[in-house]
Every structure is written in C-alpha cells, then in structure tokens.
C-alpha cells in the first residue's frame, strides 16, 4: 500500500531535511513542505527527496521501516534516573531536533 510523503523545506539543526509520511505529528505546515509523491516505502521517498535537497534523512517517528524495531524509546523519567549525567540532556536534545 502506498503512502503520501513530504519533505521539509527548512533543514533541521544538523542541516538535514526530513522526509515525513502523511499523518506524522512532526509534518511541517503546508508552506514549509514539498509533496514528494505516493511511495510504497520511505526509502523511495528519501531518494526522491534527494532530488530537491542535498542532505535528506527519514523522520525517526513516522518512517519506522528504515530504523527497525530495535530503537529503544525512553521517557523523561527514565532519562533523569540514568547513571550518566548527560542522559537527560541527550534525551531533550533528541526531542528538540524532531521539532520543525
């Protein structure tokens, strides 16, 4: 089944433009995205996005087939209880990078 994919016009802080699937909560507003088309996989959408921009990456939230199920998701409480003093900062940094 095909899904509609978009790419963000504004790059993230790491200079990458993110590819999002329709319905993603991090999908930019209409004026801040480009419709890429209907694709079966996010890989195909990412290739099409690289036509528009140099640095392209798939959204970690909505393009899960790329990243697999091996990602460990933690909440803020778990991050704050970590033995590493940098864990809360790294957790929050990851959240900030997802917002466009």
PDB file of N, CA and C in Angstrom:
ATOM      1  N   UNK A   1       0.835  -1.177   0.000  1.00  0.00           N
ATOM      2  CA  UNK A   1       0.000   0.000   0.000  1.00  0.00           C
ATOM      3  C   UNK A   1       0.887   1.251   0.000  1.00  0.00           C
ATOM      4  N   UNK A   2       0.557   2.175  -0.843  1.00  0.00           N
ATOM      5  CA  UNK A   2       1.341   3.405  -0.955  1.00  0.00           C
ATOM      6  C   UNK A   2       0.872   4.463   0.041  1.00  0.00           C
ATOM      7  N   UNK A   3       1.809   5.277   0.455  1.00  0.00           N
ATOM      8  CA  UNK A   3       1.517   6.401   1.354  1.00  0.00           C
ATOM      9  C   UNK A   3       2.042   7.683   0.730  1.00  0.00           C
ATOM     10  N   UNK A   4       1.479   8.803   1.148  1.00  0.00           N
ATOM     11  CA  UNK A   4       1.936  10.110   0.681  1.00  0.00           C
ATOM     12  C   UNK A   4       3.116  10.554   1.536  1.00  0.00           C
ATOM     13  N   UNK A   5       4.158  11.058   0.871  1.00  0.00           N
ATOM     14  CA  UNK A   5       5.360  11.511   1.570  1.00  0.00           C
ATOM     15  C   UNK A   5       5.668  12.956   1.227  1.00  0.00           C
ATOM     16  N   UNK A   6       6.247  13.644   2.206  1.00  0.00           N
ATOM     17  CA  UNK A   6       6.612  15.052   2.086  1.00  0.00           C
ATOM     18  C   UNK A   6       8.032  15.230   2.604  1.00  0.00           C
ATOM     19  N   UNK A   7       8.661  16.332   2.176  1.00  0.00           N
ATOM     20  CA  UNK A   7       9.976  16.678   2.707  1.00  0.00           C
ATOM     21  C   UNK A   7       9.912  18.098   3.253  1.00  0.00           C
ATOM     22  N   UNK A   8      10.563  18.308   4.381  1.00  0.00           N
ATOM     23  CA  UNK A   8      10.563  19.639   4.989  1.00  0.00           C
ATOM     24  C   UNK A   8      11.471  20.581   4.203  1.00  0.00           C
ATOM     25  N   UNK A   9      11.006  21.803   4.011  1.00  0.00           N
ATOM     26  CA  UNK A   9      11.794  22.808   3.290  1.00  0.00           C
ATOM     27  C   UNK A   9      12.894  23.345   4.192  1.00  0.00           C
ATOM     28  N   UNK A  10      12.571  23.544   5.448  1.00  0.00           N
ATOM     29  CA  UNK A  10      13.548  24.065   6.413  1.00  0.00           C
ATOM     30  C   UNK A  10      14.363  22.895   6.973  1.00  0.00           C
ATOM     31  N   UNK A  11      15.694  22.982   6.900  1.00  0.00           N
ATOM     32  CA  UNK A  11      16.508  21.889   7.444  1.00  0.00           C
ATOM     33  C   UNK A  11      16.503  21.905   8.975  1.00  0.00           C
ATOM     34  N   UNK A  12      16.829  20.771   9.550  1.00  0.00           N
ATOM     35  CA  UNK A  12      16.990  20.651  10.994  1.00  0.00           C
ATOM     36  C   UNK A  12      18.295  21.343  11.395  1.00  0.00           C
ATOM     37  N   UNK A  13      18.603  21.333  12.673  1.00  0.00           N
ATOM     38  CA  UNK A  13      19.842  21.961  13.141  1.00  0.00           C
ATOM     39  C   UNK A  13      21.084  21.262  12.595  1.00  0.00           C
ATOM     40  N   UNK A  14      20.949  20.015  12.162  1.00  0.00           N
ATOM     41  CA  UNK A  14      22.074  19.276  11.584  1.00  0.00           C
ATOM     42  C   UNK A  14      22.128  19.415  10.058  1.00  0.00           C
ATOM     43  N   UNK A  15      21.372  20.379   9.519  1.00  0.00           N
ATOM     44  CA  UNK A  15      21.341  20.697   8.081  1.00  0.00           C
ATOM     45  C   UNK A  15      20.699  19.600   7.227  1.00  0.00           C
ATOM     46  N   UNK A  16      19.926  18.703   7.829  1.00  0.00           N
ATOM     47  CA  UNK A  16      19.232  17.658   7.076  1.00  0.00           C
ATOM     48  C   UNK A  16      17.758  18.003   6.930  1.00  0.00           C
ATOM     49  N   UNK A  17      17.214  17.695   5.774  1.00  0.00           N
ATOM     50  CA  UNK A  17      15.789  17.852   5.502  1.00  0.00           C
ATOM     51  C   UNK A  17      15.137  16.504   5.758  1.00  0.00           C
ATOM     52  N   UNK A  18      14.039  16.498   6.504  1.00  0.00           N
ATOM     53  CA  UNK A  18      13.403  15.241   6.876  1.00  0.00           C
ATOM     54  C   UNK A  18      12.253  14.887   5.959  1.00  0.00           C
ATOM     55  N   UNK A  19      12.173  13.589   5.631  1.00  0.00           N
ATOM     56  CA  UNK A  19      11.067  13.031   4.864  1.00  0.00           C
ATOM     57  C   UNK A  19      10.041  12.517   5.864  1.00  0.00           C
ATOM     58  N   UNK A  20       8.776  12.920   5.673  1.00  0.00           N
ATOM     59  CA  UNK A  20       7.690  12.527   6.571  1.00  0.00           C
ATOM     60  C   UNK A  20       6.579  11.847   5.778  1.00  0.00           C
ATOM     61  N   UNK A  21       5.929  10.909   6.454  1.00  0.00           N
ATOM     62  CA  UNK A  21       4.748  10.258   5.899  1.00  0.00           C
ATOM     63  C   UNK A  21       3.524  11.085   6.309  1.00  0.00           C
ATOM     64  N   UNK A  22       2.512  11.131   5.448  1.00  0.00           N
ATOM     65  CA  UNK A  22       1.291  11.861   5.772  1.00  0.00           C
ATOM     66  C   UNK A  22       0.715  11.349   7.092  1.00  0.00           C
ATOM     67  N   UNK A  23       0.333  12.271   7.950  1.00  0.00           N
ATOM     68  CA  UNK A  23      -0.211  11.917   9.245  1.00  0.00           C
ATOM     69  C   UNK A  23       0.802  12.005  10.374  1.00  0.00           C
ATOM     70  N   UNK A  24       2.061  12.232  10.048  1.00  0.00           N
ATOM     71  CA  UNK A  24       3.100  12.356  11.070  1.00  0.00           C
ATOM     72  C   UNK A  24       2.842  13.608  11.912  1.00  0.00           C
ATOM     73  N   UNK A  25       2.940  13.513  13.238  1.00  0.00           N
ATOM     74  CA  UNK A  25       2.725  14.703  14.062  1.00  0.00           C
ATOM     75  C   UNK A  25       3.814  15.762  13.879  1.00  0.00           C
ATOM     76  N   UNK A  26       4.950  15.393  13.299  1.00  0.00           N
ATOM     77  CA  UNK A  26       6.037  16.343  13.079  1.00  0.00           C
ATOM     78  C   UNK A  26       6.060  16.871  11.639  1.00  0.00           C
ATOM     79  N   UNK A  27       5.045  16.543  10.860  1.00  0.00           N
ATOM     80  CA  UNK A  27       4.943  17.027   9.481  1.00  0.00           C
ATOM     81  C   UNK A  27       4.797  18.541   9.487  1.00  0.00           C
ATOM     82  N   UNK A  28       5.667  19.253   8.775  1.00  0.00           N
ATOM     83  CA  UNK A  28       5.570  20.719   8.735  1.00  0.00           C
ATOM     84  C   UNK A  28       4.267  21.188   8.083  1.00  0.00           C
ATOM     85  N   UNK A  29       3.907  22.435   8.325  1.00  0.00           N
ATOM     86  CA  UNK A  29       2.721  23.038   7.717  1.00  0.00           C
ATOM     87  C   UNK A  29       2.853  23.082   6.203  1.00  0.00           C
ATOM     88  N   UNK A  30       1.732  23.356   5.518  1.00  0.00           N
ATOM     89  CA  UNK A  30       1.686  23.348   4.052  1.00  0.00           C
ATOM     90  C   UNK A  30       2.784  24.169   3.387  1.00  0.00           C
ATOM     91  N   UNK A  31       3.040  25.361   3.848  1.00  0.00           N
ATOM     92  CA  UNK A  31       4.035  26.223   3.211  1.00  0.00           C
ATOM     93  C   UNK A  31       5.474  25.850   3.509  1.00  0.00           C
ATOM     94  N   UNK A  32       5.668  24.878   4.401  1.00  0.00           N
ATOM     95  CA  UNK A  32       7.018  24.515   4.818  1.00  0.00           C
ATOM     96  C   UNK A  32       7.403  23.093   4.416  1.00  0.00           C
ATOM     97  N   UNK A  33       6.698  22.549   3.430  1.00  0.00           N
ATOM     98  CA  UNK A  33       6.989  21.194   2.964  1.00  0.00           C
ATOM     99  C   UNK A  33       6.740  21.080   1.470  1.00  0.00           C
ATOM    100  N   UNK A  34       7.334  20.045   0.881  1.00  0.00           N
ATOM    101  CA  UNK A  34       7.164  19.750  -0.543  1.00  0.00           C
ATOM    102  C   UNK A  34       6.585  18.343  -0.650  1.00  0.00           C
ATOM    103  N   UNK A  35       5.535  18.192  -1.439  1.00  0.00           N
ATOM    104  CA  UNK A  35       4.948  16.876  -1.667  1.00  0.00           C
ATOM    105  C   UNK A  35       5.875  16.089  -2.583  1.00  0.00           C
ATOM    106  N   UNK A  36       6.295  14.917  -2.139  1.00  0.00           N
ATOM    107  CA  UNK A  36       7.196  14.083  -2.934  1.00  0.00           C
ATOM    108  C   UNK A  36       6.441  13.107  -3.820  1.00  0.00           C
ATOM    109  N   UNK A  37       5.294  12.634  -3.353  1.00  0.00           N
ATOM    110  CA  UNK A  37       4.512  11.679  -4.130  1.00  0.00           C
ATOM    111  C   UNK A  37       4.043  10.527  -3.267  1.00  0.00           C
ATOM    112  N   UNK A  38       3.452   9.532  -3.941  1.00  0.00           N
ATOM    113  CA  UNK A  38       2.988   8.318  -3.273  1.00  0.00           C
ATOM    114  C   UNK A  38       4.034   7.228  -3.475  1.00  0.00           C
ATOM    115  N   UNK A  39       4.463   6.619  -2.387  1.00  0.00           N
ATOM    116  CA  UNK A  39       5.504   5.597  -2.449  1.00  0.00           C
ATOM    117  C   UNK A  39       5.131   4.419  -1.559  1.00  0.00           C
ATOM    118  N   UNK A  40       5.674   3.251  -1.884  1.00  0.00           N
ATOM    119  CA  UNK A  40       5.454   2.049  -1.082  1.00  0.00           C
ATOM    120  C   UNK A  40       6.342   2.056   0.163  1.00  0.00           C
ATOM    121  N   UNK A  41       7.555   2.629   0.056  1.00  0.00           N
ATOM    122  CA  UNK A  41       8.472   2.651   1.191  1.00  0.00           C
ATOM    123  C   UNK A  41       9.050   4.054   1.375  1.00  0.00           C
ATOM    124  N   UNK A  42       9.541   4.292   2.581  1.00  0.00           N
ATOM    125  CA  UNK A  42      10.165   5.587   2.858  1.00  0.00           C
ATOM    126  C   UNK A  42      11.520   5.700   2.156  1.00  0.00           C
ATOM    127  N   UNK A  43      12.122   4.559   1.781  1.00  0.00           N
ATOM    128  CA  UNK A  43      13.381   4.584   1.031  1.00  0.00           C
ATOM    129  C   UNK A  43      13.186   5.266  -0.324  1.00  0.00           C
ATOM    130  N   UNK A  44      12.093   4.906  -0.991  1.00  0.00           N
ATOM    131  CA  UNK A  44      11.787   5.514  -2.291  1.00  0.00           C
ATOM    132  C   UNK A  44      11.563   7.018  -2.141  1.00  0.00           C
ATOM    133  N   UNK A  45      10.853   7.409  -1.095  1.00  0.00           N
ATOM    134  CA  UNK A  45      10.590   8.831  -0.850  1.00  0.00           C
ATOM    135  C   UNK A  45      11.889   9.573  -0.543  1.00  0.00           C
ATOM    136  N   UNK A  46      12.777   8.944   0.200  1.00  0.00           N
ATOM    137  CA  UNK A  46      14.058   9.571   0.531  1.00  0.00           C
ATOM    138  C   UNK A  46      14.876   9.812  -0.745  1.00  0.00           C
ATOM    139  N   UNK A  47      14.885   8.845  -1.648  1.00  0.00           N
ATOM    140  CA  UNK A  47      15.600   9.032  -2.924  1.00  0.00           C
ATOM    141  C   UNK A  47      15.015  10.196  -3.718  1.00  0.00           C
ATOM    142  N   UNK A  48      13.697  10.293  -3.749  1.00  0.00           N
ATOM    143  CA  UNK A  48      13.049  11.398  -4.460  1.00  0.00           C
ATOM    144  C   UNK A  48      13.365  12.733  -3.775  1.00  0.00           C
ATOM    145  N   UNK A  49      13.414  12.742  -2.454  1.00  0.00           N
ATOM    146  CA  UNK A  49      13.737  13.956  -1.709  1.00  0.00           C
ATOM    147  C   UNK A  49      15.134  14.464  -1.982  1.00  0.00           C
ATOM    148  N   UNK A  50      16.057  13.546  -2.275  1.00  0.00           N
ATOM    149  CA  UNK A  50      17.440  13.958  -2.554  1.00  0.00           C
ATOM    150  C   UNK A  50      17.558  14.693  -3.881  1.00  0.00           C
ATOM    151  N   UNK A  51      16.529  14.682  -4.678  1.00  0.00           N
ATOM    152  CA  UNK A  51      16.497  15.494  -5.907  1.00  0.00           C
ATOM    153  C   UNK A  51      16.352  16.972  -5.532  1.00  0.00           C
ATOM    154  N   UNK A  52      15.596  17.236  -4.463  1.00  0.00           N
ATOM    155  CA  UNK A  52      15.321  18.612  -4.031  1.00  0.00           C
ATOM    156  C   UNK A  52      16.409  19.193  -3.136  1.00  0.00           C
ATOM    157  N   UNK A  53      16.974  18.359  -2.258  1.00  0.00           N
ATOM    158  CA  UNK A  53      17.948  18.833  -1.274  1.00  0.00           C
ATOM    159  C   UNK A  53      19.123  17.872  -1.186  1.00  0.00           C
ATOM    160  N   UNK A  54      20.242  18.407  -0.753  1.00  0.00           N
ATOM    161  CA  UNK A  54      21.464  17.612  -0.635  1.00  0.00           C
ATOM    162  C   UNK A  54      21.417  16.644   0.556  1.00  0.00           C
ATOM    163  N   UNK A  55      21.123  17.144   1.739  1.00  0.00           N
ATOM    164  CA  UNK A  55      21.081  16.307   2.940  1.00  0.00           C
ATOM    165  C   UNK A  55      19.658  15.905   3.270  1.00  0.00           C
ATOM    166  N   UNK A  56      19.332  14.627   3.108  1.00  0.00           N
ATOM    167  CA  UNK A  56      17.971  14.147   3.340  1.00  0.00           C
ATOM    168  C   UNK A  56      18.019  12.931   4.259  1.00  0.00           C
ATOM    169  N   UNK A  57      17.100  12.903   5.217  1.00  0.00           N
ATOM    170  CA  UNK A  57      17.002  11.779   6.137  1.00  0.00           C
ATOM    171  C   UNK A  57      15.533  11.524   6.421  1.00  0.00           C
ATOM    172  N   UNK A  58      15.213  10.307   6.774  1.00  0.00           N
ATOM    173  CA  UNK A  58      13.837   9.954   7.104  1.00  0.00           C
ATOM    174  C   UNK A  58      13.523  10.309   8.552  1.00  0.00           C
ATOM    175  N   UNK A  59      12.298  10.719   8.789  1.00  0.00           N
ATOM    176  CA  UNK A  59      11.829  11.030  10.137  1.00  0.00           C
ATOM    177  C   UNK A  59      11.880   9.759  10.995  1.00  0.00           C
ATOM    178  N   UNK A  60      12.465   9.863  12.167  1.00  0.00           N
ATOM    179  CA  UNK A  60      12.555   8.711  13.071  1.00  0.00           C
ATOM    180  C   UNK A  60      11.189   8.268  13.585  1.00  0.00           C
ATOM    181  N   UNK A  61      10.247   9.180  13.615  1.00  0.00           N
ATOM    182  CA  UNK A  61       8.941   8.873  14.177  1.00  0.00           C
ATOM    183  C   UNK A  61       8.046   8.139  13.187  1.00  0.00           C
ATOM    184  N   UNK A  62       7.931   8.649  11.965  1.00  0.00           N
ATOM    185  CA  UNK A  62       6.946   8.087  11.032  1.00  0.00           C
ATOM    186  C   UNK A  62       7.530   7.126   9.992  1.00  0.00           C
ATOM    187  N   UNK A  63       8.817   7.095   9.811  1.00  0.00           N
ATOM    188  CA  UNK A  63       9.440   6.210   8.821  1.00  0.00           C
ATOM    189  C   UNK A  63      10.154   5.071   9.545  1.00  0.00           C
ATOM    190  N   UNK A  64       9.404   4.274  10.264  1.00  0.00           N
ATOM    191  CA  UNK A  64       9.976   3.250  11.134  1.00  0.00           C
ATOM    192  C   UNK A  64      10.562   2.065  10.387  1.00  0.00           C
ATOM    193  N   UNK A  65      10.136   1.812   9.140  1.00  0.00           N
ATOM    194  CA  UNK A  65      10.680   0.638   8.444  1.00  0.00           C
ATOM    195  C   UNK A  65      12.169   0.793   8.180  1.00  0.00           C
ATOM    196  N   UNK A  66      12.635   2.018   8.103  1.00  0.00           N
ATOM    197  CA  UNK A  66      14.060   2.259   7.894  1.00  0.00           C
ATOM    198  C   UNK A  66      14.847   1.939   9.154  1.00  0.00           C
ATOM    199  N   UNK A  67      14.314   2.321  10.267  1.00  0.00           N
ATOM    200  CA  UNK A  67      15.051   2.244  11.511  1.00  0.00           C
ATOM    201  C   UNK A  67      14.775   0.968  12.295  1.00  0.00           C
ATOM    202  N   UNK A  68      13.790   0.222  11.862  1.00  0.00           N
ATOM    203  CA  UNK A  68      13.504  -1.051  12.507  1.00  0.00           C
ATOM    204  C   UNK A  68      12.869  -0.898  13.878  1.00  0.00           C
ATOM    205  N   UNK A  69      12.696  -2.011  14.507  1.00  0.00           N
ATOM    206  CA  UNK A  69      12.066  -2.011  15.825  1.00  0.00           C
ATOM    207  C   UNK A  69      13.107  -2.055  16.932  1.00  0.00           C
ATOM    208  N   UNK A  70      14.381  -1.968  16.595  1.00  0.00           N
ATOM    209  CA  UNK A  70      15.443  -2.055  17.581  1.00  0.00           C
ATOM    210  C   UNK A  70      15.687  -0.772  18.343  1.00  0.00           C
ATOM    211  N   UNK A  71      14.972   0.300  18.028  1.00  0.00           N
ATOM    212  CA  UNK A  71      15.168   1.552  18.744  1.00  0.00           C
ATOM    213  C   UNK A  71      14.636   1.440  20.159  1.00  0.00           C
ATOM    214  N   UNK A  72      15.390   1.950  21.087  1.00  0.00           N
ATOM    215  CA  UNK A  72      14.947   1.955  22.474  1.00  0.00           C
ATOM    216  C   UNK A  72      14.320   3.309  22.757  1.00  0.00           C
ATOM    217  N   UNK A  73      13.078   3.289  23.150  1.00  0.00           N
ATOM    218  CA  UNK A  73      12.364   4.521  23.463  1.00  0.00           C
ATOM    219  C   UNK A  73      12.325   4.662  24.968  1.00  0.00           C
ATOM    220  N   UNK A  74      12.760   5.825  25.460  1.00  0.00           N
ATOM    221  CA  UNK A  74      12.737   6.085  26.892  1.00  0.00           C
ATOM    222  C   UNK A  74      11.934   7.343  27.150  1.00  0.00           C
ATOM    223  N   UNK A  75      11.402   7.432  28.325  1.00  0.00           N
ATOM    224  CA  UNK A  75      10.685   8.662  28.667  1.00  0.00           C
ATOM    225  C   UNK A  75      11.581   9.551  29.510  1.00  0.00           C
ATOM    226  N   UNK A  76      11.132  10.736  29.812  1.00  0.00           N
ATOM    227  CA  UNK A  76      11.951  11.705  30.544  1.00  0.00           C
ATOM    228  C   UNK A  76      12.300  11.198  31.939  1.00  0.00           C
ATOM    229  N   UNK A  77      11.389  10.474  32.562  1.00  0.00           N
ATOM    230  CA  UNK A  77      11.657   9.952  33.897  1.00  0.00           C
ATOM    231  C   UNK A  77      12.809   8.953  33.865  1.00  0.00           C
ATOM    232  N   UNK A  78      12.796   8.044  32.881  1.00  0.00           N
ATOM    233  CA  UNK A  78      13.880   7.068  32.758  1.00  0.00           C
ATOM    234  C   UNK A  78      15.196   7.770  32.469  1.00  0.00           C
ATOM    235  N   UNK A  79      15.163   8.791  31.631  1.00  0.00           N
ATOM    236  CA  UNK A  79      16.390   9.509  31.277  1.00  0.00           C
ATOM    237  C   UNK A  79      16.972  10.218  32.494  1.00  0.00           C
ATOM    238  N   UNK A  80      16.120  10.766  33.354  1.00  0.00           N
ATOM    239  CA  UNK A  80      16.615  11.502  34.511  1.00  0.00           C
ATOM    240  C   UNK A  80      17.192  10.580  35.569  1.00  0.00           C
ATOM    241  N   UNK A  81      16.793   9.312  35.568  1.00  0.00           N
ATOM    242  CA  UNK A  81      17.300   8.366  36.555  1.00  0.00           C
ATOM    243  C   UNK A  81      18.549   7.633  36.071  1.00  0.00           C
ATOM    244  N   UNK A  82      18.995   7.919  34.888  1.00  0.00           N
ATOM    245  CA  UNK A  82      20.169   7.248  34.346  1.00  0.00           C
ATOM    246  C   UNK A  82      21.407   7.604  35.163  1.00  0.00           C
ATOM    247  N   UNK A  83      22.395   6.709  35.126  1.00  0.00           N
ATOM    248  CA  UNK A  83      23.635   6.975  35.854  1.00  0.00           C
ATOM    249  C   UNK A  83      24.498   7.998  35.135  1.00  0.00           C
ATOM    250  N   UNK A  84      24.277   8.193  33.857  1.00  0.00           N
ATOM    251  CA  UNK A  84      25.053   9.156  33.088  1.00  0.00           C
ATOM    252  C   UNK A  84      24.507  10.565  33.317  1.00  0.00           C
ATOM    253  N   UNK A  85      25.373  11.524  33.674  1.00  0.00           N
ATOM    254  CA  UNK A  85      24.888  12.896  33.885  1.00  0.00           C
ATOM    255  C   UNK A  85      24.413  13.556  32.590  1.00  0.00           C
ATOM    256  N   UNK A  86      24.805  13.023  31.438  1.00  0.00           N
ATOM    257  CA  UNK A  86      24.418  13.621  30.157  1.00  0.00           C
ATOM    258  C   UNK A  86      23.107  13.054  29.625  1.00  0.00           C
ATOM    259  N   UNK A  87      22.586  11.992  30.211  1.00  0.00           N
ATOM    260  CA  UNK A  87      21.389  11.339  29.673  1.00  0.00           C
ATOM    261  C   UNK A  87      20.203  12.289  29.552  1.00  0.00           C
ATOM    262  N   UNK A  88      19.851  13.078  30.569  1.00  0.00           N
ATOM    263  CA  UNK A  88      18.708  13.979  30.395  1.00  0.00           C
ATOM    264  C   UNK A  88      18.938  14.996  29.280  1.00  0.00           C
ATOM    265  N   UNK A  89      20.140  15.501  29.162  1.00  0.00           N
ATOM    266  CA  UNK A  89      20.429  16.477  28.109  1.00  0.00           C
ATOM    267  C   UNK A  89      20.331  15.831  26.736  1.00  0.00           C
ATOM    268  N   UNK A  90      20.849  14.614  26.598  1.00  0.00           N
ATOM    269  CA  UNK A  90      20.777  13.941  25.310  1.00  0.00           C
ATOM    270  C   UNK A  90      19.345  13.610  24.944  1.00  0.00           C
ATOM    271  N   UNK A  91      18.552  13.221  25.910  1.00  0.00           N
ATOM    272  CA  UNK A  91      17.145  12.930  25.663  1.00  0.00           C
ATOM    273  C   UNK A  91      16.433  14.179  25.157  1.00  0.00           C
ATOM    274  N   UNK A  92      16.624  15.297  25.842  1.00  0.00           N
ATOM    275  CA  UNK A  92      15.968  16.537  25.443  1.00  0.00           C
ATOM    276  C   UNK A  92      16.488  17.029  24.107  1.00  0.00           C
ATOM    277  N   UNK A  93      17.772  16.868  23.844  1.00  0.00           N
ATOM    278  CA  UNK A  93      18.335  17.287  22.566  1.00  0.00           C
ATOM    279  C   UNK A  93      17.670  16.525  21.427  1.00  0.00           C
ATOM    280  N   UNK A  94      17.448  15.232  21.603  1.00  0.00           N
ATOM    281  CA  UNK A  94      16.795  14.438  20.573  1.00  0.00           C
ATOM    282  C   UNK A  94      15.388  14.908  20.312  1.00  0.00           C
ATOM    283  N   UNK A  95      14.687  15.317  21.359  1.00  0.00           N
ATOM    284  CA  UNK A  95      13.334  15.814  21.191  1.00  0.00           C
ATOM    285  C   UNK A  95      13.308  17.143  20.466  1.00  0.00           C
ATOM    286  N   UNK A  96      14.247  18.009  20.759  1.00  0.00           N
ATOM    287  CA  UNK A  96      14.294  19.325  20.121  1.00  0.00           C
ATOM    288  C   UNK A  96      14.595  19.181  18.640  1.00  0.00           C
ATOM    289  N   UNK A  97      15.438  18.247  18.261  1.00  0.00           N
ATOM    290  CA  UNK A  97      15.793  18.063  16.853  1.00  0.00           C
ATOM    291  C   UNK A  97      14.619  17.566  16.027  1.00  0.00           C
ATOM    292  N   UNK A  98      13.647  16.945  16.660  1.00  0.00           N
ATOM    293  CA  UNK A  98      12.492  16.423  15.929  1.00  0.00           C
ATOM    294  C   UNK A  98      11.465  17.499  15.602  1.00  0.00           C
ATOM    295  N   UNK A  99      11.512  18.595  16.307  1.00  0.00           N
ATOM    296  CA  UNK A  99      10.521  19.651  16.122  1.00  0.00           C
ATOM    297  C   UNK A  99      10.944  20.553  14.980  1.00  0.00           C
ATOM    298  N   UNK A 100      10.016  20.826  14.089  1.00  0.00           N
ATOM    299  CA  UNK A 100      10.333  21.682  12.946  1.00  0.00           C
ATOM    300  C   UNK A 100       9.461  22.902  12.963  1.00  0.00           C
TER     301      UNK A 100
END
